[in-house]
Amino acid sequence: MVTYEDFGIRPFINASGTITTLGGSLMPPETLAAMRGAAGAFVDLNDLLVRAGDYLARRIGVEGAFVSCGAASGMQLAAAACLTGTDAERIRRLPHTEGWKNEFVISMVDSHTYIHQGIEICGGKLVRVGSKTEVIAADIVDGIGEKTAAVVHFLGRQTRAQLQEVIAGAGARGVPVIVDAAAQLPPRSNLTELTGMGASLVVFSGGKGLRGPQNSGLVLGKKAFVEAVRLNSSPHSAIGRGMKVGKEEIMGLVATVDRFLAGNDAEDRVMWERQAGCVVQALGGIPGVRAYVLGEGQQAAPDFAPRAYVDLEGAGRAEAVIRAMREGDPSVVVRRVSKGIVVDPMTLMPGEEQAVARRLKEVLTS
């Protein structure tokens, strides 16, 4: 069997978080078993998508659910759904949307250019509001016009409180709201609360906090909108044909959601708090280093997981530490923040926090 090492690629401990370019998350045994089982037989893919979606909707407690090929494709399919509904002729005509309601009000605060591009590829016209540093609900609602097909909200850089205002303003004008919540699991409550607030479609990554296949996404929402997503997707001859999700990923994500729902937010927090605390404890007393744990509500973004922050004195020290951690044994990837580095325990396997703490102490005292 060919391995990463055969390609000259060195695996590492991921202490940076559920980042796509680092591989997202590591899948649990239940997910791998479901994918292996799915790989051993042929099934009708359309039938599987429908039945898996129905199961997930019941299991989660929402009107509709669909397994997409990642969150980015889920966002693009959500845009397509708002342009076409379930109209077969409109689905065939994309990306030609002249004369339709084809405008999407979207803020400039999120740097994910590919989401903007994906909407435009579908034939959407972007109405960008706010600035790169700030957007308020009034900016978004005021951007709604006669040709608005939907509003896009980036949960994370934009808050839940703002989302509630946007949903109210858009709903009064009969305009659907799409929520990009790719990295917003856990908490588990987001699976139902965002659609419960009135969002038409909410998109999560399957390969981040859920720990499912990296090329999977979960689209939840109102039944008619989710059906429109499905009709615009693979294996239909539609704009989403290239966003194929296989039988293995579908069943893998179903198993992942079952496992996730059987878990507990409080237990996750306790484990991550302990892992982050292990790192902080190891760095106590090192000159020019201040290490501490910040939890939910204490960090710049509304992040769920507690993280270990390591403030470093000295110009260029953070970059040197990051490089030394990556090049050491074991190889560890940590992330840069404004005052130094951060260790994110969400992607640490049990026991890896000790290796991370040991390596950081070695690097910072060498």
Protein backbone atom coordinates (compact mmCIF):
# COMPACT_ATOMS: atom_id res chain seq x y z
CA MET A 1 0.00 0.00 0.00
CA VAL A 2 1.33 3.44 -0.92
CA THR A 3 1.56 5.80 2.05
CA TYR A 4 2.06 9.52 2.58
CA GLU A 5 5.69 8.80 3.37
CA ASP A 6 6.11 7.17 -0.06
CA PHE A 7 5.21 10.58 -1.53
CA GLY A 8 7.64 12.34 0.76
CA ILE A 9 4.77 13.85 2.73
CA ARG A 10 5.23 13.95 6.49
CA PRO A 11 2.09 13.62 8.66
CA PHE A 12 1.80 15.99 11.62
CA ILE A 13 -0.14 16.61 14.79
CA ASN A 14 -2.78 19.20 13.97
CA ALA A 15 -2.98 21.71 16.82
CA SER A 16 -4.28 24.42 14.51
CA GLY A 17 -7.95 23.47 14.13
CA THR A 18 -10.43 22.16 11.57
CA ILE A 19 -8.81 23.89 8.61
CA THR A 20 -9.50 22.62 5.10
CA THR A 21 -5.91 22.94 3.91
CA LEU A 22 -4.75 20.78 6.84
CA GLY A 23 -7.26 18.01 6.18
CA GLY A 24 -10.26 19.16 8.21
CA SER A 25 -10.72 16.54 10.92
CA LEU A 26 -9.89 12.88 11.53
CA MET A 27 -12.87 10.57 11.01
CA PRO A 28 -14.00 8.33 13.91
CA PRO A 29 -14.28 4.52 13.56
CA GLU A 30 -18.05 4.64 13.05
CA THR A 31 -17.66 6.88 9.99
CA LEU A 32 -14.91 4.76 8.47
CA ALA A 33 -16.94 1.59 9.00
CA ALA A 34 -20.00 3.12 7.33
CA MET A 35 -17.93 4.21 4.35
CA ARG A 36 -16.34 0.78 3.97
CA GLY A 37 -19.78 -0.83 4.10
CA ALA A 38 -21.17 1.55 1.49
CA ALA A 39 -18.25 0.89 -0.86
CA GLY A 40 -19.13 -2.80 -1.19
CA ALA A 41 -22.40 -2.47 -3.10
CA PHE A 42 -24.15 -0.61 -5.91
CA VAL A 43 -27.20 1.53 -5.08
CA ASP A 44 -29.34 4.12 -6.86
CA LEU A 45 -27.63 7.36 -5.87
CA ASN A 46 -30.71 9.55 -6.24
CA ASP A 47 -32.72 7.20 -4.06
CA LEU A 48 -29.95 7.14 -1.48
CA LEU A 49 -29.74 10.94 -1.37
CA VAL A 50 -33.49 11.24 -0.84
CA ARG A 51 -33.68 8.56 1.85
CA ALA A 52 -30.54 9.73 3.63
CA GLY A 53 -31.88 13.29 3.60
CA ASP A 54 -35.22 12.17 5.02
CA TYR A 55 -33.44 10.20 7.75
CA LEU A 56 -31.17 13.09 8.68
CA ALA A 57 -34.07 15.55 8.76
CA ARG A 58 -35.97 13.29 11.18
CA ARG A 59 -32.89 12.52 13.25
CA ILE A 60 -31.88 16.18 13.61
CA GLY A 61 -35.40 17.61 13.87
CA VAL A 62 -35.61 19.89 10.82
CA GLU A 63 -37.85 20.05 7.74
CA GLY A 64 -35.27 19.03 5.16
CA ALA A 65 -31.66 17.81 4.89
CA PHE A 66 -29.25 17.14 2.03
CA VAL A 67 -25.70 15.77 1.88
CA SER A 68 -23.56 18.00 -0.33
CA CYS A 69 -19.96 17.73 -1.53
CA GLY A 70 -18.58 20.02 1.16
CA ALA A 71 -19.91 23.27 2.61
CA ALA A 72 -18.71 25.43 -0.30
CA SER A 73 -20.72 23.36 -2.77
CA GLY A 74 -23.63 23.47 -0.34
CA MET A 75 -23.53 27.27 -0.46
CA GLN A 76 -23.41 27.29 -4.25
CA LEU A 77 -26.31 24.85 -4.46
CA ALA A 78 -28.24 26.94 -1.93
CA ALA A 79 -27.82 29.96 -4.21
CA ALA A 80 -28.97 27.90 -7.19
CA ALA A 81 -32.01 26.74 -5.22
CA CYS A 82 -33.00 30.34 -4.46
CA LEU A 83 -32.71 31.20 -8.16
CA THR A 84 -34.69 28.27 -9.53
CA GLY A 85 -36.88 26.75 -6.88
CA THR A 86 -38.00 23.35 -8.17
CA ASP A 87 -38.74 24.68 -11.68
CA ALA A 88 -37.10 22.18 -14.05
CA GLU A 89 -36.80 24.71 -16.87
CA ARG A 90 -35.05 27.24 -14.67
CA ILE A 91 -32.71 24.54 -13.39
CA ARG A 92 -31.74 23.76 -17.00
CA ARG A 93 -31.22 27.44 -17.83
CA LEU A 94 -28.67 28.24 -15.13
CA PRO A 95 -26.46 30.29 -15.16
CA HIS A 96 -28.63 32.41 -17.50
CA THR A 97 -30.87 34.35 -15.13
CA GLU A 98 -31.77 37.46 -17.09
CA GLY A 99 -35.18 38.76 -16.05
CA TRP A 100 -35.25 36.74 -12.81
CA LYS A 101 -34.83 37.77 -9.21
CA ASN A 102 -31.10 37.08 -9.26
CA GLU A 103 -29.45 39.41 -6.74
CA PHE A 104 -27.80 38.17 -3.53
CA VAL A 105 -27.15 40.61 -0.72
CA ILE A 106 -23.84 39.60 0.83
CA SER A 107 -21.46 41.27 3.27
CA MET A 108 -17.82 42.06 2.62
CA VAL A 109 -16.61 41.04 6.09
CA ASP A 110 -15.95 37.42 5.17
CA SER A 111 -12.84 36.73 3.12
CA HIS A 112 -14.07 33.50 1.52
CA THR A 113 -13.91 34.70 -2.07
CA TYR A 114 -14.98 31.30 -3.38
CA ILE A 115 -18.44 31.72 -1.85
CA HIS A 116 -18.88 34.95 -3.81
CA GLN A 117 -17.56 33.24 -6.94
CA GLY A 118 -19.84 30.22 -6.48
CA ILE A 119 -22.93 32.40 -6.39
CA GLU A 120 -21.83 34.26 -9.51
CA ILE A 121 -21.14 30.97 -11.32
CA CYS A 122 -24.80 30.08 -10.76
CA GLY A 123 -25.90 33.32 -12.40
CA GLY A 124 -26.32 35.34 -9.24
CA LYS A 125 -25.51 39.04 -9.12
CA LEU A 126 -23.86 40.19 -5.90
CA VAL A 127 -24.96 43.23 -3.95
CA ARG A 128 -22.03 43.69 -1.56
CA VAL A 129 -22.72 45.68 1.61
CA GLY A 130 -20.73 46.88 4.59
CA SER A 131 -16.93 46.95 4.61
CA LYS A 132 -14.16 44.39 5.06
CA THR A 133 -14.18 45.08 8.80
CA GLU A 134 -17.81 45.74 9.67
CA VAL A 135 -21.38 45.20 8.57
CA ILE A 136 -24.59 45.91 10.45
CA ALA A 137 -28.04 44.41 9.94
CA ALA A 138 -29.36 47.67 8.48
CA ASP A 139 -26.71 47.53 5.73
CA ILE A 140 -27.95 44.08 4.72
CA VAL A 141 -31.67 44.80 4.93
CA ASP A 142 -31.25 48.09 3.07
CA GLY A 143 -29.51 46.17 0.27
CA ILE A 144 -32.67 44.18 -0.45
CA GLY A 145 -34.45 45.25 -3.61
CA GLU A 146 -37.03 44.06 -6.14
CA LYS A 147 -34.57 41.63 -7.73
CA THR A 148 -33.21 40.10 -4.52
CA ALA A 149 -33.22 36.29 -4.66
CA ALA A 150 -31.68 35.77 -1.21
CA VAL A 151 -29.53 37.21 1.57
CA VAL A 152 -26.30 35.47 2.61
CA HIS A 153 -25.18 35.54 6.26
CA PHE A 154 -21.71 34.36 7.37
CA LEU A 155 -22.20 33.08 10.91
CA GLY A 156 -18.97 33.66 12.80
CA ARG A 157 -17.84 36.97 11.39
CA GLN A 158 -21.51 37.96 11.62
CA THR A 159 -23.36 37.27 14.87
CA ARG A 160 -26.49 35.32 15.77
CA ALA A 161 -28.09 38.53 17.04
CA GLN A 162 -27.49 40.14 13.67
CA LEU A 163 -28.86 37.05 11.94
CA GLN A 164 -32.11 37.42 13.87
CA GLU A 165 -32.44 41.02 12.68
CA VAL A 166 -31.60 40.03 9.09
CA ILE A 167 -34.15 37.21 9.08
CA ALA A 168 -36.81 39.58 10.39
CA GLY A 169 -36.00 42.24 7.80
CA ALA A 170 -35.71 39.81 4.90
CA GLY A 171 -38.78 37.85 5.96
CA ALA A 172 -40.90 41.01 5.93
CA ARG A 173 -39.93 41.36 2.26
CA GLY A 174 -40.45 37.70 1.40
CA VAL A 175 -36.72 37.11 0.83
CA PRO A 176 -35.00 33.86 1.91
CA VAL A 177 -31.84 33.84 4.04
CA ILE A 178 -28.91 31.47 3.46
CA VAL A 179 -26.58 30.93 6.43
CA ASP A 180 -22.97 29.85 5.93
CA ALA A 181 -22.32 28.01 9.20
CA ALA A 182 -19.52 25.79 7.89
CA ALA A 183 -17.42 25.86 11.06
CA GLN A 184 -20.25 26.40 13.57
CA LEU A 185 -20.51 22.87 14.99
CA PRO A 186 -20.47 22.34 17.88
CA PRO A 187 -22.61 23.51 19.62
CA ARG A 188 -25.11 20.88 18.61
CA SER A 189 -27.97 23.32 19.11
CA ASN A 190 -26.97 25.10 15.89
CA LEU A 191 -28.35 22.16 13.92
CA THR A 192 -31.90 23.16 14.85
CA GLU A 193 -31.80 26.69 16.25
CA LEU A 194 -30.67 28.45 13.05
CA THR A 195 -33.49 27.02 10.95
CA GLY A 196 -35.77 27.57 13.92
CA MET A 197 -34.91 31.27 13.76
CA GLY A 198 -36.35 31.30 10.24
CA ALA A 199 -33.32 30.75 7.99
CA SER A 200 -34.36 29.12 4.71
CA LEU A 201 -31.11 27.17 4.25
CA VAL A 202 -28.20 26.56 6.64
CA VAL A 203 -24.96 24.98 5.44
CA PHE A 204 -22.46 23.11 7.63
CA SER A 205 -19.19 21.43 6.80
CA GLY A 206 -19.24 17.66 7.19
CA GLY A 207 -15.49 17.48 7.70
CA LYS A 208 -14.91 20.07 10.44
CA GLY A 209 -16.60 19.88 13.85
CA LEU A 210 -18.80 16.97 12.79
CA ARG A 211 -15.65 14.93 11.94
CA GLY A 212 -17.19 13.33 8.86
CA PRO A 213 -15.74 12.93 5.36
CA GLN A 214 -13.91 16.13 4.42
CA ASN A 215 -15.65 16.29 1.04
CA SER A 216 -19.11 16.27 2.61
CA GLY A 217 -21.45 19.01 3.72
CA LEU A 218 -24.83 19.19 5.42
CA VAL A 219 -27.54 21.47 4.05
CA LEU A 220 -30.55 21.93 6.35
CA GLY A 221 -33.64 24.05 5.95
CA LYS A 222 -37.18 24.44 4.75
CA LYS A 223 -38.34 21.41 2.80
CA ALA A 224 -39.06 23.17 -0.49
CA PHE A 225 -35.67 24.90 -0.50
CA VAL A 226 -33.82 21.67 0.33
CA GLU A 227 -35.64 19.91 -2.50
CA ALA A 228 -34.52 22.68 -4.85
CA VAL A 229 -30.95 22.14 -3.65
CA ARG A 230 -31.21 18.44 -4.45
CA LEU A 231 -32.59 19.04 -7.96
CA ASN A 232 -29.70 21.41 -8.74
CA SER A 233 -27.11 18.90 -7.54
CA SER A 234 -25.37 15.76 -8.78
CA PRO A 235 -26.30 13.25 -10.15
CA HIS A 236 -28.86 15.44 -11.94
CA SER A 237 -27.86 17.13 -15.19
CA ALA A 238 -27.73 20.47 -13.45
CA ILE A 239 -25.24 23.13 -12.44
CA GLY A 240 -24.15 21.04 -9.46
CA ARG A 241 -23.28 17.92 -11.46
CA GLY A 242 -19.57 18.45 -10.87
CA MET A 243 -20.14 18.54 -7.09
CA LYS A 244 -20.55 14.79 -6.84
CA VAL A 245 -20.92 13.20 -3.42
CA GLY A 246 -20.51 9.43 -3.47
CA LYS A 247 -22.43 6.71 -1.69
CA GLU A 248 -19.49 6.31 0.69
CA GLU A 249 -19.54 9.96 1.78
CA ILE A 250 -23.33 9.94 2.13
CA MET A 251 -23.36 6.95 4.45
CA GLY A 252 -20.25 8.21 6.22
CA LEU A 253 -21.93 11.52 7.02
CA VAL A 254 -25.11 9.78 8.21
CA ALA A 255 -23.02 7.74 10.67
CA THR A 256 -21.14 10.88 11.66
CA VAL A 257 -24.32 12.80 12.46
CA ASP A 258 -25.65 9.89 14.53
CA ARG A 259 -22.41 9.83 16.51
CA PHE A 260 -22.38 13.62 16.90
CA LEU A 261 -25.95 13.72 18.20
CA ALA A 262 -25.15 10.97 20.71
CA GLY A 263 -22.35 13.16 22.10
CA ASN A 264 -22.50 16.00 24.56
CA ASP A 265 -21.34 19.63 24.33
CA ALA A 266 -20.38 19.77 27.99
CA GLU A 267 -18.20 16.65 27.73
CA ASP A 268 -16.48 18.06 24.64
CA ARG A 269 -15.73 21.30 26.47
CA VAL A 270 -14.31 19.48 29.49
CA MET A 271 -11.97 17.40 27.30
CA TRP A 272 -10.77 20.41 25.28
CA GLU A 273 -10.35 22.50 28.42
CA ARG A 274 -8.17 19.76 29.90
CA GLN A 275 -6.07 19.47 26.75
CA ALA A 276 -5.60 23.23 26.47
CA GLY A 277 -4.76 23.41 30.17
CA CYS A 278 -2.08 20.74 29.74
CA VAL A 279 -0.31 22.97 27.24
CA VAL A 280 -0.60 26.07 29.44
CA GLN A 281 0.70 24.25 32.51
CA ALA A 282 3.80 23.05 30.64
CA LEU A 283 4.76 26.61 29.65
CA GLY A 284 4.57 28.21 33.08
CA GLY A 285 7.60 30.26 34.12
CA ILE A 286 9.27 30.48 30.70
CA PRO A 287 10.67 34.04 30.20
CA GLY A 288 8.87 36.12 27.58
CA VAL A 289 5.95 33.67 27.43
CA ARG A 290 2.41 34.11 28.73
CA ALA A 291 0.09 31.13 28.26
CA TYR A 292 -3.60 31.00 29.16
CA VAL A 293 -6.89 29.36 28.15
CA LEU A 294 -9.79 31.28 26.66
CA GLY A 295 -13.21 29.70 26.34
CA GLU A 296 -16.49 30.54 24.66
CA GLY A 297 -17.34 34.24 24.86
CA GLN A 298 -13.74 35.18 25.70
CA GLN A 299 -12.24 34.86 22.20
CA ALA A 300 -12.39 37.34 19.34
CA ALA A 301 -14.75 35.10 17.35
CA PRO A 302 -17.74 33.24 18.84
CA ASP A 303 -15.79 29.99 19.00
CA PHE A 304 -17.12 27.05 20.96
CA ALA A 305 -13.89 25.24 21.87
CA PRO A 306 -11.55 26.53 24.59
CA ARG A 307 -8.05 27.15 23.23
CA ALA A 308 -4.57 27.66 24.63
CA TYR A 309 -3.15 31.07 23.71
CA VAL A 310 0.59 31.66 23.96
CA ASP A 311 1.69 35.31 23.89
CA LEU A 312 5.32 35.69 22.81
CA GLU A 313 7.69 38.61 23.31
CA GLY A 314 10.09 39.52 20.52
CA ALA A 315 9.71 40.36 16.86
CA GLY A 316 9.52 37.33 14.64
CA ARG A 317 9.43 34.90 17.55
CA ALA A 318 6.01 33.47 16.67
CA GLU A 319 7.08 32.67 13.11
CA ALA A 320 10.24 31.00 14.40
CA VAL A 321 8.25 28.89 16.86
CA ILE A 322 5.74 27.84 14.21
CA ARG A 323 8.56 26.80 11.90
CA ALA A 324 10.42 24.87 14.61
CA MET A 325 7.25 23.06 15.66
CA ARG A 326 6.53 22.03 12.08
CA GLU A 327 10.09 20.82 11.47
CA GLY A 328 10.51 18.98 14.78
CA ASP A 329 9.79 15.44 15.90
CA PRO A 330 6.90 14.97 16.13
CA SER A 331 5.87 17.54 13.57
CA VAL A 332 3.22 19.83 15.05
CA VAL A 333 1.22 22.55 13.29
CA VAL A 334 0.13 25.52 15.42
CA ARG A 335 -1.55 28.70 14.26
CA ARG A 336 -0.43 32.35 14.36
CA VAL A 337 -2.55 34.91 16.21
CA SER A 338 -1.95 38.59 16.88
CA LYS A 339 0.16 38.19 20.04
CA GLY A 340 1.77 34.84 19.34
CA ILE A 341 0.32 31.41 18.66
CA VAL A 342 -2.76 29.38 19.56
CA VAL A 343 -3.23 25.67 20.20
CA ASP A 344 -6.67 24.42 19.16
CA PRO A 345 -7.56 21.12 20.87
CA MET A 346 -10.51 20.36 18.56
CA THR A 347 -8.21 18.42 16.24
CA LEU A 348 -6.03 16.77 18.87
CA MET A 349 -6.38 13.06 19.47
CA PRO A 350 -6.34 11.92 23.12
CA GLY A 351 -2.79 12.16 24.46
CA GLU A 352 -1.48 14.39 21.69
CA GLU A 353 -1.75 17.43 23.94
CA GLN A 354 1.17 16.04 25.94
CA ALA A 355 3.35 15.81 22.83
CA VAL A 356 2.37 19.34 21.82
CA ALA A 357 3.13 20.69 25.31
CA ARG A 358 6.49 18.93 25.42
CA ARG A 359 7.54 20.20 21.98
CA LEU A 360 6.44 23.76 22.72
CA LYS A 361 8.40 23.77 25.97
CA GLU A 362 11.49 22.45 24.14
CA VAL A 363 11.21 25.07 21.42
CA LEU A 364 10.52 27.97 23.76
CA THR A 365 13.40 27.12 26.09
CA SER A 366 15.98 26.29 23.43
